[in-house]
Each structure stands twice: as C-alpha cells, then as structure tokens.
Amino acid sequence: MIDLDKVGAHAWRDASGVCLPGITFDHGYRVKARVIHERDQFVRGIEPKDFDMF
C-alpha cells in the first residue's frame, strides 16, 4: 500500500517522493528532481536546482 502522505509534492515540506516500481538505482536508473524558484516560473534569471532522488 502506498502511503499518500509520503508521495508527491507538498507545500512547506523539505522532502518529496515518487513511486516508480521497477526503476531502481541498482538497475542503473537515475531520477532527478528539478526545482525552480517560485519567482522564476516564467522569467529567466534564477537557475533551477537539480536534486538526485535515490
């Protein structure tokens, strides 16, 4: 059973999760989350930050 409180994006939290069955680090897959600043959604200037999810 997937705990819906632990997956997806949540406001005011510093953690996020995603369920990708069969996509594992051991099989050579890599997943990154790209986070953009709220002020830079449509205007260039503040670069997004990439975070490895493993």
Protein backbone atom coordinates (compact mmCIF):
# COMPACT_ATOMS: atom_id res chain seq x y z
CA MET A 1 0.00 0.00 0.00
CA ILE A 2 1.34 3.44 -0.93
CA ASP A 3 1.29 5.99 1.88
CA LEU A 4 -0.19 9.02 0.12
CA ASP A 5 1.20 11.33 2.80
CA LYS A 6 4.76 10.43 1.69
CA VAL A 7 4.48 10.80 -2.10
CA GLY A 8 4.01 13.82 -4.31
CA ALA A 9 4.75 17.47 -3.75
CA HIS A 10 3.61 19.12 -0.54
CA ALA A 11 3.76 22.78 0.40
CA TRP A 12 6.09 23.70 3.25
CA ARG A 13 7.93 20.39 3.30
CA ASP A 14 11.56 19.72 2.54
CA ALA A 15 11.00 16.18 1.30
CA SER A 16 9.19 14.65 -1.63
CA GLY A 17 8.78 11.19 -3.01
CA VAL A 18 7.64 9.30 -6.05
CA CYS A 19 6.72 5.67 -6.60
CA LEU A 20 8.38 4.16 -9.70
CA PRO A 21 8.06 0.36 -9.50
CA GLY A 22 10.98 -1.38 -11.18
CA ILE A 23 13.01 1.84 -11.52
CA THR A 24 15.90 1.27 -9.12
CA PHE A 25 19.37 2.66 -8.58
CA ASP A 26 20.75 -0.91 -8.72
CA HIS A 27 19.39 -1.34 -12.27
CA GLY A 28 21.23 1.78 -13.42
CA TYR A 29 18.33 4.21 -13.35
CA ARG A 30 18.77 7.75 -12.04
CA VAL A 31 15.94 10.13 -11.13
CA LYS A 32 16.43 13.84 -10.60
CA ALA A 33 14.00 16.43 -9.30
CA ARG A 34 14.40 19.87 -10.85
CA VAL A 35 13.18 22.60 -8.52
CA ILE A 36 12.53 26.12 -9.73
CA HIS A 37 12.12 29.25 -7.65
CA GLU A 38 8.53 30.49 -7.46
CA ARG A 39 9.57 33.89 -8.86
CA ASP A 40 11.32 32.27 -11.82
CA GLN A 41 8.48 30.17 -13.23
CA PHE A 42 8.24 32.21 -16.42
CA VAL A 43 11.24 34.56 -16.29
CA ARG A 44 14.85 33.51 -16.79
CA GLY A 45 17.41 34.59 -14.25
CA ILE A 46 17.29 32.22 -11.30
CA GLU A 47 18.59 28.81 -12.34
CA PRO A 48 16.72 25.66 -11.28
CA LYS A 49 18.37 23.30 -8.81
CA ASP A 50 18.69 19.58 -9.52
CA PHE A 51 18.41 17.03 -6.73
CA ASP A 52 19.20 13.34 -7.12
CA MET A 53 16.45 11.10 -5.79
CA PHE A 54 17.82 7.75 -4.68
